[in-house]
Amino acid sequence: MEDADENDLEVDKPKDWAAGMPGVYHSMQPALKHMGASRSARTLLTMNQKQGFDCMSGAWPDPSGHRSKFEYCENGAKAVTWEATPVTVASDFWAEHPITELREP
């Protein structure tokens, strides 16, 4: 592995925000690709809401008062996408690979 040369480093002024639009963009890409716009909106707008469900990443605190519709982080949005994606396995897979075979080490 090659050592980094400190002379090649560039340091810019820090940003005034933590995630903003880049975070929204990166969290929405997998959701839109795997769940579509409608399912993504319904799922993500229910996360961390009083009548919804808590984020499985557990990184966001539960405020006791008002909650924004966007009470989640990029990793939380990705975790929900992985859990809510309607993934199916074709029937022919099970015909070719019985459970007993899949259980073998």
PDB file of N, CA and C in Angstrom:
ATOM      1  N   MET A   1       0.836  -1.174   0.000  1.00  0.00           N
ATOM      2  CA  MET A   1       0.000   0.000   0.000  1.00  0.00           C
ATOM      3  C   MET A   1       0.884   1.241   0.000  1.00  0.00           C
ATOM      4  N   GLU A   2       0.509   2.207  -0.804  1.00  0.00           N
ATOM      5  CA  GLU A   2       1.291   3.422  -0.942  1.00  0.00           C
ATOM      6  C   GLU A   2       0.898   4.441   0.123  1.00  0.00           C
ATOM      7  N   ASP A   3       1.875   5.108   0.720  1.00  0.00           N
ATOM      8  CA  ASP A   3       1.587   6.137   1.716  1.00  0.00           C
ATOM      9  C   ASP A   3       1.031   7.380   1.031  1.00  0.00           C
ATOM     10  N   ALA A   4       0.123   8.058   1.715  1.00  0.00           N
ATOM     11  CA  ALA A   4      -0.443   9.296   1.190  1.00  0.00           C
ATOM     12  C   ALA A   4       0.592  10.407   1.302  1.00  0.00           C
ATOM     13  N   ASP A   5       0.642  11.244   0.301  1.00  0.00           N
ATOM     14  CA  ASP A   5       1.550  12.383   0.310  1.00  0.00           C
ATOM     15  C   ASP A   5       0.760  13.598   0.789  1.00  0.00           C
ATOM     16  N   GLU A   6       1.110  14.134   1.945  1.00  0.00           N
ATOM     17  CA  GLU A   6       0.381  15.262   2.512  1.00  0.00           C
ATOM     18  C   GLU A   6       0.418  16.490   1.615  1.00  0.00           C
ATOM     19  N   ASN A   7       1.378  16.587   0.716  1.00  0.00           N
ATOM     20  CA  ASN A   7       1.452  17.729  -0.190  1.00  0.00           C
ATOM     21  C   ASN A   7       0.323  17.707  -1.224  1.00  0.00           C
ATOM     22  N   ASP A   8      -0.309  16.538  -1.421  1.00  0.00           N
ATOM     23  CA  ASP A   8      -1.396  16.418  -2.389  1.00  0.00           C
ATOM     24  C   ASP A   8      -2.768  16.686  -1.771  1.00  0.00           C
ATOM     25  N   LEU A   9      -2.823  16.907  -0.458  1.00  0.00           N
ATOM     26  CA  LEU A   9      -4.099  17.131   0.210  1.00  0.00           C
ATOM     27  C   LEU A   9      -4.622  18.532  -0.068  1.00  0.00           C
ATOM     28  N   GLU A  10      -5.936  18.627  -0.230  1.00  0.00           N
ATOM     29  CA  GLU A  10      -6.589  19.924  -0.382  1.00  0.00           C
ATOM     30  C   GLU A  10      -7.621  20.046   0.725  1.00  0.00           C
ATOM     31  N   VAL A  11      -7.603  21.154   1.423  1.00  0.00           N
ATOM     32  CA  VAL A  11      -8.542  21.389   2.515  1.00  0.00           C
ATOM     33  C   VAL A  11      -9.407  22.578   2.130  1.00  0.00           C
ATOM     34  N   ASP A  12     -10.734  22.347   2.127  1.00  0.00           N
ATOM     35  CA  ASP A  12     -11.683  23.399   1.794  1.00  0.00           C
ATOM     36  C   ASP A  12     -12.358  23.901   3.062  1.00  0.00           C
ATOM     37  N   LYS A  13     -13.070  24.998   2.914  1.00  0.00           N
ATOM     38  CA  LYS A  13     -13.857  25.540   4.015  1.00  0.00           C
ATOM     39  C   LYS A  13     -14.938  24.516   4.394  1.00  0.00           C
ATOM     40  N   PRO A  14     -15.181  24.283   5.693  1.00  0.00           N
ATOM     41  CA  PRO A  14     -16.214  23.322   6.086  1.00  0.00           C
ATOM     42  C   PRO A  14     -17.600  23.784   5.635  1.00  0.00           C
ATOM     43  N   LYS A  15     -18.464  22.813   5.370  1.00  0.00           N
ATOM     44  CA  LYS A  15     -19.826  23.129   4.966  1.00  0.00           C
ATOM     45  C   LYS A  15     -20.631  23.561   6.192  1.00  0.00           C
ATOM     46  N   ASP A  16     -21.713  24.278   5.941  1.00  0.00           N
ATOM     47  CA  ASP A  16     -22.572  24.748   7.025  1.00  0.00           C
ATOM     48  C   ASP A  16     -23.671  23.753   7.364  1.00  0.00           C
ATOM     49  N   TRP A  17     -23.725  22.611   6.700  1.00  0.00           N
ATOM     50  CA  TRP A  17     -24.759  21.609   6.934  1.00  0.00           C
ATOM     51  C   TRP A  17     -24.130  20.234   6.909  1.00  0.00           C
ATOM     52  N   ALA A  18     -24.802  19.271   7.535  1.00  0.00           N
ATOM     53  CA  ALA A  18     -24.234  17.935   7.666  1.00  0.00           C
ATOM     54  C   ALA A  18     -24.551  17.042   6.481  1.00  0.00           C
ATOM     55  N   ALA A  19     -25.765  17.050   6.012  1.00  0.00           N
ATOM     56  CA  ALA A  19     -26.130  16.149   4.921  1.00  0.00           C
ATOM     57  C   ALA A  19     -26.784  16.921   3.784  1.00  0.00           C
ATOM     58  N   GLY A  20     -27.919  17.526   4.039  1.00  0.00           N
ATOM     59  CA  GLY A  20     -28.589  18.321   3.026  1.00  0.00           C
ATOM     60  C   GLY A  20     -28.965  17.519   1.800  1.00  0.00           C
ATOM     61  N   MET A  21     -28.950  18.161   0.664  1.00  0.00           N
ATOM     62  CA  MET A  21     -29.375  17.535  -0.582  1.00  0.00           C
ATOM     63  C   MET A  21     -28.519  16.325  -0.979  1.00  0.00           C
ATOM     64  N   PRO A  22     -27.201  16.333  -0.780  1.00  0.00           N
ATOM     65  CA  PRO A  22     -26.450  15.107  -1.107  1.00  0.00           C
ATOM     66  C   PRO A  22     -26.925  13.904  -0.302  1.00  0.00           C
ATOM     67  N   GLY A  23     -27.229  14.103   0.990  1.00  0.00           N
ATOM     68  CA  GLY A  23     -27.723  13.008   1.816  1.00  0.00           C
ATOM     69  C   GLY A  23     -29.079  12.513   1.347  1.00  0.00           C
ATOM     70  N   VAL A  24     -29.957  13.442   0.996  1.00  0.00           N
ATOM     71  CA  VAL A  24     -31.280  13.066   0.477  1.00  0.00           C
ATOM     72  C   VAL A  24     -31.113  12.292  -0.826  1.00  0.00           C
ATOM     73  N   TYR A  25     -30.289  12.792  -1.705  1.00  0.00           N
ATOM     74  CA  TYR A  25     -30.053  12.138  -3.001  1.00  0.00           C
ATOM     75  C   TYR A  25     -29.542  10.714  -2.804  1.00  0.00           C
ATOM     76  N   HIS A  26     -28.526  10.543  -1.967  1.00  0.00           N
ATOM     77  CA  HIS A  26     -27.916   9.221  -1.775  1.00  0.00           C
ATOM     78  C   HIS A  26     -28.845   8.248  -1.056  1.00  0.00           C
ATOM     79  N   SER A  27     -29.702   8.749  -0.180  1.00  0.00           N
ATOM     80  CA  SER A  27     -30.630   7.850   0.506  1.00  0.00           C
ATOM     81  C   SER A  27     -31.820   7.495  -0.366  1.00  0.00           C
ATOM     82  N   MET A  28     -32.190   8.362  -1.290  1.00  0.00           N
ATOM     83  CA  MET A  28     -33.356   8.105  -2.140  1.00  0.00           C
ATOM     84  C   MET A  28     -33.043   7.209  -3.341  1.00  0.00           C
ATOM     85  N   GLN A  29     -31.820   7.180  -3.788  1.00  0.00           N
ATOM     86  CA  GLN A  29     -31.484   6.377  -4.970  1.00  0.00           C
ATOM     87  C   GLN A  29     -31.838   4.901  -4.796  1.00  0.00           C
ATOM     88  N   PRO A  30     -31.397   4.224  -3.732  1.00  0.00           N
ATOM     89  CA  PRO A  30     -31.775   2.815  -3.569  1.00  0.00           C
ATOM     90  C   PRO A  30     -33.284   2.642  -3.374  1.00  0.00           C
ATOM     91  N   ALA A  31     -33.920   3.561  -2.646  1.00  0.00           N
ATOM     92  CA  ALA A  31     -35.363   3.452  -2.405  1.00  0.00           C
ATOM     93  C   ALA A  31     -36.134   3.531  -3.719  1.00  0.00           C
ATOM     94  N   LEU A  32     -35.832   4.505  -4.529  1.00  0.00           N
ATOM     95  CA  LEU A  32     -36.541   4.668  -5.799  1.00  0.00           C
ATOM     96  C   LEU A  32     -36.264   3.505  -6.744  1.00  0.00           C
ATOM     97  N   LYS A  33     -35.032   3.018  -6.757  1.00  0.00           N
ATOM     98  CA  LYS A  33     -34.671   1.919  -7.648  1.00  0.00           C
ATOM     99  C   LYS A  33     -35.390   0.625  -7.272  1.00  0.00           C
ATOM    100  N   HIS A  34     -35.466   0.326  -5.965  1.00  0.00           N
ATOM    101  CA  HIS A  34     -35.979  -0.968  -5.534  1.00  0.00           C
ATOM    102  C   HIS A  34     -37.445  -0.965  -5.102  1.00  0.00           C
ATOM    103  N   MET A  35     -37.976   0.208  -4.706  1.00  0.00           N
ATOM    104  CA  MET A  35     -39.355   0.245  -4.232  1.00  0.00           C
ATOM    105  C   MET A  35     -40.269   1.099  -5.098  1.00  0.00           C
ATOM    106  N   GLY A  36     -39.701   1.950  -5.944  1.00  0.00           N
ATOM    107  CA  GLY A  36     -40.523   2.864  -6.729  1.00  0.00           C
ATOM    108  C   GLY A  36     -40.895   4.090  -5.915  1.00  0.00           C
ATOM    109  N   ALA A  37     -41.400   5.110  -6.579  1.00  0.00           N
ATOM    110  CA  ALA A  37     -41.678   6.393  -5.928  1.00  0.00           C
ATOM    111  C   ALA A  37     -42.786   6.288  -4.885  1.00  0.00           C
ATOM    112  N   SER A  38     -43.889   5.641  -5.214  1.00  0.00           N
ATOM    113  CA  SER A  38     -45.037   5.583  -4.307  1.00  0.00           C
ATOM    114  C   SER A  38     -44.715   4.817  -3.027  1.00  0.00           C
ATOM    115  N   ARG A  39     -44.165   3.617  -3.169  1.00  0.00           N
ATOM    116  CA  ARG A  39     -43.823   2.803  -1.984  1.00  0.00           C
ATOM    117  C   ARG A  39     -42.736   3.483  -1.159  1.00  0.00           C
ATOM    118  N   SER A  40     -41.769   4.111  -1.817  1.00  0.00           N
ATOM    119  CA  SER A  40     -40.707   4.826  -1.098  1.00  0.00           C
ATOM    120  C   SER A  40     -41.300   5.950  -0.262  1.00  0.00           C
ATOM    121  N   ALA A  41     -42.178   6.745  -0.858  1.00  0.00           N
ATOM    122  CA  ALA A  41     -42.786   7.865  -0.133  1.00  0.00           C
ATOM    123  C   ALA A  41     -43.602   7.367   1.057  1.00  0.00           C
ATOM    124  N   ARG A  42     -44.451   6.371   0.846  1.00  0.00           N
ATOM    125  CA  ARG A  42     -45.284   5.842   1.940  1.00  0.00           C
ATOM    126  C   ARG A  42     -44.409   5.298   3.073  1.00  0.00           C
ATOM    127  N   THR A  43     -43.364   4.580   2.725  1.00  0.00           N
ATOM    128  CA  THR A  43     -42.505   3.954   3.735  1.00  0.00           C
ATOM    129  C   THR A  43     -41.687   4.989   4.495  1.00  0.00           C
ATOM    130  N   LEU A  44     -40.976   5.846   3.767  1.00  0.00           N
ATOM    131  CA  LEU A  44     -40.079   6.797   4.415  1.00  0.00           C
ATOM    132  C   LEU A  44     -40.823   7.864   5.200  1.00  0.00           C
ATOM    133  N   LEU A  45     -42.025   8.256   4.748  1.00  0.00           N
ATOM    134  CA  LEU A  45     -42.778   9.272   5.483  1.00  0.00           C
ATOM    135  C   LEU A  45     -43.483   8.706   6.713  1.00  0.00           C
ATOM    136  N   THR A  46     -43.447   7.386   6.896  1.00  0.00           N
ATOM    137  CA  THR A  46     -44.033   6.743   8.071  1.00  0.00           C
ATOM    138  C   THR A  46     -42.964   6.460   9.127  1.00  0.00           C
ATOM    139  N   MET A  47     -41.710   6.414   8.699  1.00  0.00           N
ATOM    140  CA  MET A  47     -40.610   6.091   9.611  1.00  0.00           C
ATOM    141  C   MET A  47     -40.429   7.193  10.656  1.00  0.00           C
ATOM    142  N   ASN A  48     -40.260   6.780  11.912  1.00  0.00           N
ATOM    143  CA  ASN A  48     -40.032   7.659  13.065  1.00  0.00           C
ATOM    144  C   ASN A  48     -41.184   8.626  13.329  1.00  0.00           C
ATOM    145  N   GLN A  49     -42.383   8.258  12.896  1.00  0.00           N
ATOM    146  CA  GLN A  49     -43.572   9.056  13.177  1.00  0.00           C
ATOM    147  C   GLN A  49     -44.345   8.408  14.325  1.00  0.00           C
ATOM    148  N   LYS A  50     -45.138   9.186  15.041  1.00  0.00           N
ATOM    149  CA  LYS A  50     -45.863   8.679  16.204  1.00  0.00           C
ATOM    150  C   LYS A  50     -46.774   7.517  15.836  1.00  0.00           C
ATOM    151  N   GLN A  51     -47.418   7.559  14.695  1.00  0.00           N
ATOM    152  CA  GLN A  51     -48.300   6.473  14.263  1.00  0.00           C
ATOM    153  C   GLN A  51     -47.607   5.539  13.266  1.00  0.00           C
ATOM    154  N   GLY A  52     -46.296   5.663  13.151  1.00  0.00           N
ATOM    155  CA  GLY A  52     -45.534   4.847  12.211  1.00  0.00           C
ATOM    156  C   GLY A  52     -44.672   3.821  12.920  1.00  0.00           C
ATOM    157  N   PHE A  53     -43.443   3.693  12.489  1.00  0.00           N
ATOM    158  CA  PHE A  53     -42.510   2.727  13.074  1.00  0.00           C
ATOM    159  C   PHE A  53     -41.158   3.390  13.283  1.00  0.00           C
ATOM    160  N   ASP A  54     -40.388   2.867  14.222  1.00  0.00           N
ATOM    161  CA  ASP A  54     -39.061   3.405  14.504  1.00  0.00           C
ATOM    162  C   ASP A  54     -38.039   2.876  13.513  1.00  0.00           C
ATOM    163  N   CYS A  55     -37.081   3.696  13.226  1.00  0.00           N
ATOM    164  CA  CYS A  55     -35.974   3.327  12.348  1.00  0.00           C
ATOM    165  C   CYS A  55     -35.208   2.162  12.958  1.00  0.00           C
ATOM    166  N   MET A  56     -34.941   1.150  12.149  1.00  0.00           N
ATOM    167  CA  MET A  56     -34.221  -0.015  12.674  1.00  0.00           C
ATOM    168  C   MET A  56     -32.747   0.256  12.921  1.00  0.00           C
ATOM    169  N   SER A  57     -32.217   1.378  12.419  1.00  0.00           N
ATOM    170  CA  SER A  57     -30.818   1.682  12.717  1.00  0.00           C
ATOM    171  C   SER A  57     -30.686   2.265  14.123  1.00  0.00           C
ATOM    172  N   GLY A  58     -31.785   2.783  14.671  1.00  0.00           N
ATOM    173  CA  GLY A  58     -31.809   3.250  16.051  1.00  0.00           C
ATOM    174  C   GLY A  58     -30.949   4.457  16.338  1.00  0.00           C
ATOM    175  N   ALA A  59     -30.518   5.180  15.318  1.00  0.00           N
ATOM    176  CA  ALA A  59     -29.606   6.289  15.533  1.00  0.00           C
ATOM    177  C   ALA A  59     -30.333   7.614  15.785  1.00  0.00           C
ATOM    178  N   TRP A  60     -31.621   7.685  15.494  1.00  0.00           N
ATOM    179  CA  TRP A  60     -32.341   8.949  15.607  1.00  0.00           C
ATOM    180  C   TRP A  60     -33.154   8.969  16.894  1.00  0.00           C
ATOM    181  N   PRO A  61     -33.068  10.032  17.689  1.00  0.00           N
ATOM    182  CA  PRO A  61     -33.845  10.084  18.934  1.00  0.00           C
ATOM    183  C   PRO A  61     -35.331  10.282  18.655  1.00  0.00           C
ATOM    184  N   ASP A  62     -36.180   9.846  19.574  1.00  0.00           N
ATOM    185  CA  ASP A  62     -37.625  10.024  19.447  1.00  0.00           C
ATOM    186  C   ASP A  62     -38.035  11.304  20.164  1.00  0.00           C
ATOM    187  N   PRO A  63     -38.303  12.386  19.430  1.00  0.00           N
ATOM    188  CA  PRO A  63     -38.739  13.613  20.098  1.00  0.00           C
ATOM    189  C   PRO A  63     -40.149  13.434  20.667  1.00  0.00           C
ATOM    190  N   SER A  64     -40.428  14.056  21.795  1.00  0.00           N
ATOM    191  CA  SER A  64     -41.733  13.898  22.420  1.00  0.00           C
ATOM    192  C   SER A  64     -42.782  14.812  21.798  1.00  0.00           C
ATOM    193  N   GLY A  65     -42.379  15.892  21.199  1.00  0.00           N
ATOM    194  CA  GLY A  65     -43.318  16.843  20.607  1.00  0.00           C
ATOM    195  C   GLY A  65     -43.480  16.628  19.115  1.00  0.00           C
ATOM    196  N   HIS A  66     -43.450  17.717  18.385  1.00  0.00           N
ATOM    197  CA  HIS A  66     -43.625  17.688  16.934  1.00  0.00           C
ATOM    198  C   HIS A  66     -42.491  16.923  16.262  1.00  0.00           C
ATOM    199  N   ARG A  67     -42.847  16.172  15.243  1.00  0.00           N
ATOM    200  CA  ARG A  67     -41.842  15.457  14.448  1.00  0.00           C
ATOM    201  C   ARG A  67     -41.940  15.909  13.006  1.00  0.00           C
ATOM    202  N   SER A  68     -40.798  16.135  12.415  1.00  0.00           N
ATOM    203  CA  SER A  68     -40.751  16.456  10.996  1.00  0.00           C
ATOM    204  C   SER A  68     -41.029  15.188  10.203  1.00  0.00           C
ATOM    205  N   LYS A  69     -41.508  15.327   8.988  1.00  0.00           N
ATOM    206  CA  LYS A  69     -41.719  14.159   8.124  1.00  0.00           C
ATOM    207  C   LYS A  69     -40.383  13.536   7.723  1.00  0.00           C
ATOM    208  N   PHE A  70     -39.300  14.249   7.959  1.00  0.00           N
ATOM    209  CA  PHE A  70     -37.984  13.772   7.552  1.00  0.00           C
ATOM    210  C   PHE A  70     -37.103  13.498   8.761  1.00  0.00           C
ATOM    211  N   GLU A  71     -37.627  12.745   9.729  1.00  0.00           N
ATOM    212  CA  GLU A  71     -36.909  12.410  10.964  1.00  0.00           C
ATOM    213  C   GLU A  71     -36.092  11.141  10.774  1.00  0.00           C
ATOM    214  N   TYR A  72     -35.190  11.133   9.824  1.00  0.00           N
ATOM    215  CA  TYR A  72     -34.336   9.968   9.639  1.00  0.00           C
ATOM    216  C   TYR A  72     -33.042  10.371   8.960  1.00  0.00           C
ATOM    217  N   CYS A  73     -32.062   9.505   9.096  1.00  0.00           N
ATOM    218  CA  CYS A  73     -30.758   9.759   8.502  1.00  0.00           C
ATOM    219  C   CYS A  73     -30.609   8.932   7.216  1.00  0.00           C
ATOM    220  N   GLU A  74     -29.551   9.168   6.511  1.00  0.00           N
ATOM    221  CA  GLU A  74     -29.290   8.443   5.262  1.00  0.00           C
ATOM    222  C   GLU A  74     -29.213   6.944   5.511  1.00  0.00           C
ATOM    223  N   ASN A  75     -28.507   6.521   6.561  1.00  0.00           N
ATOM    224  CA  ASN A  75     -28.394   5.088   6.847  1.00  0.00           C
ATOM    225  C   ASN A  75     -29.729   4.483   7.239  1.00  0.00           C
ATOM    226  N   GLY A  76     -30.561   5.241   7.958  1.00  0.00           N
ATOM    227  CA  GLY A  76     -31.890   4.762   8.310  1.00  0.00           C
ATOM    228  C   GLY A  76     -32.754   4.558   7.084  1.00  0.00           C
ATOM    229  N   ALA A  77     -32.683   5.500   6.143  1.00  0.00           N
ATOM    230  CA  ALA A  77     -33.455   5.373   4.904  1.00  0.00           C
ATOM    231  C   ALA A  77     -32.994   4.157   4.109  1.00  0.00           C
ATOM    232  N   LYS A  78     -31.706   3.923   4.063  1.00  0.00           N
ATOM    233  CA  LYS A  78     -31.186   2.751   3.348  1.00  0.00           C
ATOM    234  C   LYS A  78     -31.596   1.454   4.047  1.00  0.00           C
ATOM    235  N   ALA A  79     -31.569   1.435   5.383  1.00  0.00           N
ATOM    236  CA  ALA A  79     -31.964   0.234   6.127  1.00  0.00           C
ATOM    237  C   ALA A  79     -33.429  -0.099   5.872  1.00  0.00           C
ATOM    238  N   VAL A  80     -34.281   0.916   5.869  1.00  0.00           N
ATOM    239  CA  VAL A  80     -35.703   0.696   5.591  1.00  0.00           C
ATOM    240  C   VAL A  80     -35.886   0.181   4.171  1.00  0.00           C
ATOM    241  N   THR A  81     -35.135   0.721   3.239  1.00  0.00           N
ATOM    242  CA  THR A  81     -35.222   0.270   1.851  1.00  0.00           C
ATOM    243  C   THR A  81     -34.871  -1.206   1.750  1.00  0.00           C
ATOM    244  N   TRP A  82     -33.807  -1.628   2.415  1.00  0.00           N
ATOM    245  CA  TRP A  82     -33.409  -3.040   2.362  1.00  0.00           C
ATOM    246  C   TRP A  82     -34.494  -3.937   2.945  1.00  0.00           C
ATOM    247  N   GLU A  83     -35.144  -3.469   4.024  1.00  0.00           N
ATOM    248  CA  GLU A  83     -36.178  -4.279   4.663  1.00  0.00           C
ATOM    249  C   GLU A  83     -37.486  -4.275   3.880  1.00  0.00           C
ATOM    250  N   ALA A  84     -37.810  -3.177   3.218  1.00  0.00           N
ATOM    251  CA  ALA A  84     -39.116  -3.032   2.564  1.00  0.00           C
ATOM    252  C   ALA A  84     -39.107  -3.393   1.085  1.00  0.00           C
ATOM    253  N   THR A  85     -37.948  -3.688   0.536  1.00  0.00           N
ATOM    254  CA  THR A  85     -37.882  -4.050  -0.884  1.00  0.00           C
ATOM    255  C   THR A  85     -38.589  -5.375  -1.110  1.00  0.00           C
ATOM    256  N   PRO A  86     -39.540  -5.399  -2.039  1.00  0.00           N
ATOM    257  CA  PRO A  86     -40.280  -6.646  -2.292  1.00  0.00           C
ATOM    258  C   PRO A  86     -39.459  -7.628  -3.128  1.00  0.00           C
ATOM    259  N   VAL A  87     -38.519  -8.292  -2.481  1.00  0.00           N
ATOM    260  CA  VAL A  87     -37.659  -9.250  -3.165  1.00  0.00           C
ATOM    261  C   VAL A  87     -38.342 -10.618  -3.169  1.00  0.00           C
ATOM    262  N   THR A  88     -38.369 -11.251  -4.311  1.00  0.00           N
ATOM    263  CA  THR A  88     -38.933 -12.600  -4.403  1.00  0.00           C
ATOM    264  C   THR A  88     -37.922 -13.524  -5.058  1.00  0.00           C
ATOM    265  N   VAL A  89     -38.062 -14.793  -4.754  1.00  0.00           N
ATOM    266  CA  VAL A  89     -37.215 -15.814  -5.357  1.00  0.00           C
ATOM    267  C   VAL A  89     -38.109 -16.651  -6.255  1.00  0.00           C
ATOM    268  N   ALA A  90     -37.688 -16.822  -7.488  1.00  0.00           N
ATOM    269  CA  ALA A  90     -38.490 -17.582  -8.452  1.00  0.00           C
ATOM    270  C   ALA A  90     -38.677 -19.028  -7.995  1.00  0.00           C
ATOM    271  N   SER A  91     -39.815 -19.619  -8.338  1.00  0.00           N
ATOM    272  CA  SER A  91     -40.141 -20.994  -7.933  1.00  0.00           C
ATOM    273  C   SER A  91     -39.120 -22.011  -8.427  1.00  0.00           C
ATOM    274  N   ASP A  92     -38.578 -21.786  -9.612  1.00  0.00           N
ATOM    275  CA  ASP A  92     -37.624 -22.757 -10.146  1.00  0.00           C
ATOM    276  C   ASP A  92     -36.338 -22.824  -9.315  1.00  0.00           C
ATOM    277  N   PHE A  93     -36.008 -21.749  -8.586  1.00  0.00           N
ATOM    278  CA  PHE A  93     -34.848 -21.782  -7.702  1.00  0.00           C
ATOM    279  C   PHE A  93     -35.019 -22.875  -6.653  1.00  0.00           C
ATOM    280  N   TRP A  94     -36.223 -22.942  -6.050  1.00  0.00           N
ATOM    281  CA  TRP A  94     -36.485 -23.920  -4.997  1.00  0.00           C
ATOM    282  C   TRP A  94     -36.526 -25.342  -5.553  1.00  0.00           C
ATOM    283  N   ALA A  95     -36.919 -25.481  -6.811  1.00  0.00           N
ATOM    284  CA  ALA A  95     -36.917 -26.806  -7.431  1.00  0.00           C
ATOM    285  C   ALA A  95     -35.480 -27.296  -7.633  1.00  0.00           C
ATOM    286  N   GLU A  96     -34.601 -26.370  -7.975  1.00  0.00           N
ATOM    287  CA  GLU A  96     -33.201 -26.726  -8.218  1.00  0.00           C
ATOM    288  C   GLU A  96     -32.373 -26.805  -6.928  1.00  0.00           C
ATOM    289  N   HIS A  97     -32.793 -26.089  -5.877  1.00  0.00           N
ATOM    290  CA  HIS A  97     -32.032 -26.016  -4.630  1.00  0.00           C
ATOM    291  C   HIS A  97     -32.962 -26.257  -3.447  1.00  0.00           C
ATOM    292  N   PRO A  98     -33.214 -27.507  -3.088  1.00  0.00           N
ATOM    293  CA  PRO A  98     -34.089 -27.780  -1.946  1.00  0.00           C
ATOM    294  C   PRO A  98     -33.479 -27.251  -0.637  1.00  0.00           C
ATOM    295  N   ILE A  99     -34.332 -27.017   0.337  1.00  0.00           N
ATOM    296  CA  ILE A  99     -33.902 -26.486   1.632  1.00  0.00           C
ATOM    297  C   ILE A  99     -32.803 -27.341   2.258  1.00  0.00           C
ATOM    298  N   THR A 100     -32.929 -28.650   2.148  1.00  0.00           N
ATOM    299  CA  THR A 100     -31.907 -29.527   2.754  1.00  0.00           C
ATOM    300  C   THR A 100     -30.533 -29.245   2.146  1.00  0.00           C
ATOM    301  N   GLU A 101     -30.490 -28.964   0.853  1.00  0.00           N
ATOM    302  CA  GLU A 101     -29.220 -28.641   0.199  1.00  0.00           C
ATOM    303  C   GLU A 101     -28.691 -27.281   0.687  1.00  0.00           C
ATOM    304  N   LEU A 102     -29.562 -26.311   0.831  1.00  0.00           N
ATOM    305  CA  LEU A 102     -29.144 -24.972   1.256  1.00  0.00           C
ATOM    306  C   LEU A 102     -28.672 -24.949   2.701  1.00  0.00           C
ATOM    307  N   ARG A 103     -29.142 -25.870   3.509  1.00  0.00           N
ATOM    308  CA  ARG A 103     -28.746 -25.929   4.915  1.00  0.00           C
ATOM    309  C   ARG A 103     -27.365 -26.543   5.101  1.00  0.00           C
ATOM    310  N   GLU A 104     -26.863 -27.233   4.095  1.00  0.00           N
ATOM    311  CA  GLU A 104     -25.555 -27.874   4.211  1.00  0.00           C
ATOM    312  C   GLU A 104     -24.443 -26.822   4.227  1.00  0.00           C
ATOM    313  N   PRO A 105     -23.402 -27.052   5.061  1.00  0.00           N
ATOM    314  CA  PRO A 105     -22.291 -26.085   5.121  1.00  0.00           C
ATOM    315  C   PRO A 105     -21.450 -26.080   3.871  1.00  0.00           C
TER     316      PRO A 105
END
